[in-house]
């Protein structure tokens, strides 16, 4: 497992679609990313995710346009492994 202690994980799903999340993640729906991107801590790597890999790429595109200063920005393409991550992140 990759260890990145200062990683910011952002759930980009709308609240009604959230059933599981990564422990400690931020929740900024992709439809609000253009307005709320300044809530993301500066100077830290950022990983975006959703439930199936459909909306995280849209949030990624918005962040690239709104905040090109994010040096390490990525997203999970597909379904995240919440349980595996959370059991190692207690």
C-alpha atoms as a PDB file:
ATOM      1  CA  UNK A   1       0.000   0.000   0.000  1.00  0.00           C
ATOM      2  CA  UNK A   2       1.275   3.447  -0.915  1.00  0.00           C
ATOM      3  CA  UNK A   3       1.811   5.683   2.115  1.00  0.00           C
ATOM      4  CA  UNK A   4       1.198   9.399   1.596  1.00  0.00           C
ATOM      5  CA  UNK A   5       0.523  10.951   5.028  1.00  0.00           C
ATOM      6  CA  UNK A   6      -0.385  14.422   3.731  1.00  0.00           C
ATOM      7  CA  UNK A   7      -2.696  13.204   0.951  1.00  0.00           C
ATOM      8  CA  UNK A   8      -6.026  15.026   0.666  1.00  0.00           C
ATOM      9  CA  UNK A   9      -8.783  12.668  -0.482  1.00  0.00           C
ATOM     10  CA  UNK A  10     -11.931  14.251  -1.870  1.00  0.00           C
ATOM     11  CA  UNK A  11     -15.219  12.461  -2.448  1.00  0.00           C
ATOM     12  CA  UNK A  12     -16.800  14.124  -5.493  1.00  0.00           C
ATOM     13  CA  UNK A  13     -20.205  12.432  -5.293  1.00  0.00           C
ATOM     14  CA  UNK A  14     -23.462  14.151  -4.471  1.00  0.00           C
ATOM     15  CA  UNK A  15     -24.448  13.470  -0.811  1.00  0.00           C
ATOM     16  CA  UNK A  16     -27.396  11.247  -1.725  1.00  0.00           C
ATOM     17  CA  UNK A  17     -25.026   8.793  -3.474  1.00  0.00           C
ATOM     18  CA  UNK A  18     -22.537   8.409  -0.628  1.00  0.00           C
ATOM     19  CA  UNK A  19     -22.747   5.063   1.106  1.00  0.00           C
ATOM     20  CA  UNK A  20     -19.103   4.461   2.067  1.00  0.00           C
ATOM     21  CA  UNK A  21     -16.181   6.884   2.204  1.00  0.00           C
ATOM     22  CA  UNK A  22     -12.468   6.893   2.891  1.00  0.00           C
ATOM     23  CA  UNK A  23     -11.753   7.756   6.522  1.00  0.00           C
ATOM     24  CA  UNK A  24     -10.849  11.433   6.828  1.00  0.00           C
ATOM     25  CA  UNK A  25     -11.829  12.491   3.317  1.00  0.00           C
ATOM     26  CA  UNK A  26     -13.376  15.815   2.337  1.00  0.00           C
ATOM     27  CA  UNK A  27     -16.731  15.838   0.595  1.00  0.00           C
ATOM     28  CA  UNK A  28     -16.984  18.316  -2.277  1.00  0.00           C
ATOM     29  CA  UNK A  29     -19.514  17.249  -4.921  1.00  0.00           C
ATOM     30  CA  UNK A  30     -18.262  17.715  -8.476  1.00  0.00           C
ATOM     31  CA  UNK A  31     -21.209  20.046  -9.150  1.00  0.00           C
ATOM     32  CA  UNK A  32     -19.840  22.391  -6.450  1.00  0.00           C
ATOM     33  CA  UNK A  33     -16.131  22.049  -7.222  1.00  0.00           C
ATOM     34  CA  UNK A  34     -15.926  25.320  -9.186  1.00  0.00           C
ATOM     35  CA  UNK A  35     -17.283  27.227  -6.177  1.00  0.00           C
ATOM     36  CA  UNK A  36     -15.618  25.270  -3.346  1.00  0.00           C
ATOM     37  CA  UNK A  37     -12.141  24.438  -4.704  1.00  0.00           C
ATOM     38  CA  UNK A  38     -10.543  26.952  -2.316  1.00  0.00           C
ATOM     39  CA  UNK A  39     -11.470  24.630   0.591  1.00  0.00           C
ATOM     40  CA  UNK A  40      -8.759  22.209  -0.561  1.00  0.00           C
ATOM     41  CA  UNK A  41      -5.582  22.612   1.525  1.00  0.00           C
ATOM     42  CA  UNK A  42      -2.671  24.061  -0.428  1.00  0.00           C
ATOM     43  CA  UNK A  43       0.703  22.397  -0.912  1.00  0.00           C
ATOM     44  CA  UNK A  44      -0.585  18.835  -0.485  1.00  0.00           C
ATOM     45  CA  UNK A  45      -1.224  16.073  -3.010  1.00  0.00           C
ATOM     46  CA  UNK A  46      -4.899  15.634  -3.887  1.00  0.00           C
ATOM     47  CA  UNK A  47      -6.771  12.514  -4.968  1.00  0.00           C
ATOM     48  CA  UNK A  48     -10.363  12.676  -6.173  1.00  0.00           C
ATOM     49  CA  UNK A  49     -12.808   9.813  -6.202  1.00  0.00           C
ATOM     50  CA  UNK A  50     -16.442   8.987  -6.727  1.00  0.00           C
ATOM     51  CA  UNK A  51     -18.273   5.673  -6.581  1.00  0.00           C
ATOM     52  CA  UNK A  52     -17.799   4.281 -10.070  1.00  0.00           C
ATOM     53  CA  UNK A  53     -15.333   6.613 -11.785  1.00  0.00           C
ATOM     54  CA  UNK A  54     -17.880   8.750 -13.622  1.00  0.00           C
ATOM     55  CA  UNK A  55     -17.782  12.122 -11.875  1.00  0.00           C
ATOM     56  CA  UNK A  56     -14.236  12.257 -10.476  1.00  0.00           C
ATOM     57  CA  UNK A  57     -12.817  13.004 -13.972  1.00  0.00           C
ATOM     58  CA  UNK A  58     -15.233  15.958 -14.264  1.00  0.00           C
ATOM     59  CA  UNK A  59     -14.072  17.289 -10.883  1.00  0.00           C
ATOM     60  CA  UNK A  60     -10.451  16.777 -11.997  1.00  0.00           C
ATOM     61  CA  UNK A  61     -11.013  18.868 -15.121  1.00  0.00           C
ATOM     62  CA  UNK A  62     -12.620  21.634 -13.059  1.00  0.00           C
ATOM     63  CA  UNK A  63      -9.721  21.682 -10.579  1.00  0.00           C
ATOM     64  CA  UNK A  64      -7.112  21.805 -13.350  1.00  0.00           C
ATOM     65  CA  UNK A  65      -8.886  24.869 -14.744  1.00  0.00           C
ATOM     66  CA  UNK A  66      -9.583  26.593 -11.412  1.00  0.00           C
ATOM     67  CA  UNK A  67      -6.393  25.788  -9.511  1.00  0.00           C
ATOM     68  CA  UNK A  68      -3.463  24.816 -11.744  1.00  0.00           C
ATOM     69  CA  UNK A  69      -1.152  25.264  -8.729  1.00  0.00           C
ATOM     70  CA  UNK A  70      -2.079  21.826  -7.364  1.00  0.00           C
ATOM     71  CA  UNK A  71       1.149  19.973  -8.083  1.00  0.00           C
ATOM     72  CA  UNK A  72      -0.054  16.432  -7.516  1.00  0.00           C
ATOM     73  CA  UNK A  73      -3.646  15.949  -8.617  1.00  0.00           C
ATOM     74  CA  UNK A  74      -5.093  12.561  -9.493  1.00  0.00           C
ATOM     75  CA  UNK A  75      -8.339  10.620  -9.433  1.00  0.00           C
ATOM     76  CA  UNK A  76      -9.416   7.029  -9.049  1.00  0.00           C
ATOM     77  CA  UNK A  77     -10.737   5.662 -12.318  1.00  0.00           C
ATOM     78  CA  UNK A  78     -13.287   3.125 -11.176  1.00  0.00           C
ATOM     79  CA  UNK A  79     -14.686   1.930  -7.858  1.00  0.00           C
ATOM     80  CA  UNK A  80     -12.529   2.813  -4.822  1.00  0.00           C
ATOM     81  CA  UNK A  81     -11.475   0.137  -2.328  1.00  0.00           C
ATOM     82  CA  UNK A  82     -12.893   1.822   0.780  1.00  0.00           C
ATOM     83  CA  UNK A  83     -12.775  -1.162   3.111  1.00  0.00           C
ATOM     84  CA  UNK A  84      -9.162  -2.049   2.325  1.00  0.00           C
ATOM     85  CA  UNK A  85      -8.011   1.532   2.832  1.00  0.00           C
ATOM     86  CA  UNK A  86     -10.041   2.169   5.976  1.00  0.00           C
ATOM     87  CA  UNK A  87      -8.867  -0.944   7.805  1.00  0.00           C
ATOM     88  CA  UNK A  88      -5.274   0.270   7.380  1.00  0.00           C
ATOM     89  CA  UNK A  89      -6.068   3.898   8.279  1.00  0.00           C
ATOM     90  CA  UNK A  90      -7.414   3.647  11.834  1.00  0.00           C
END
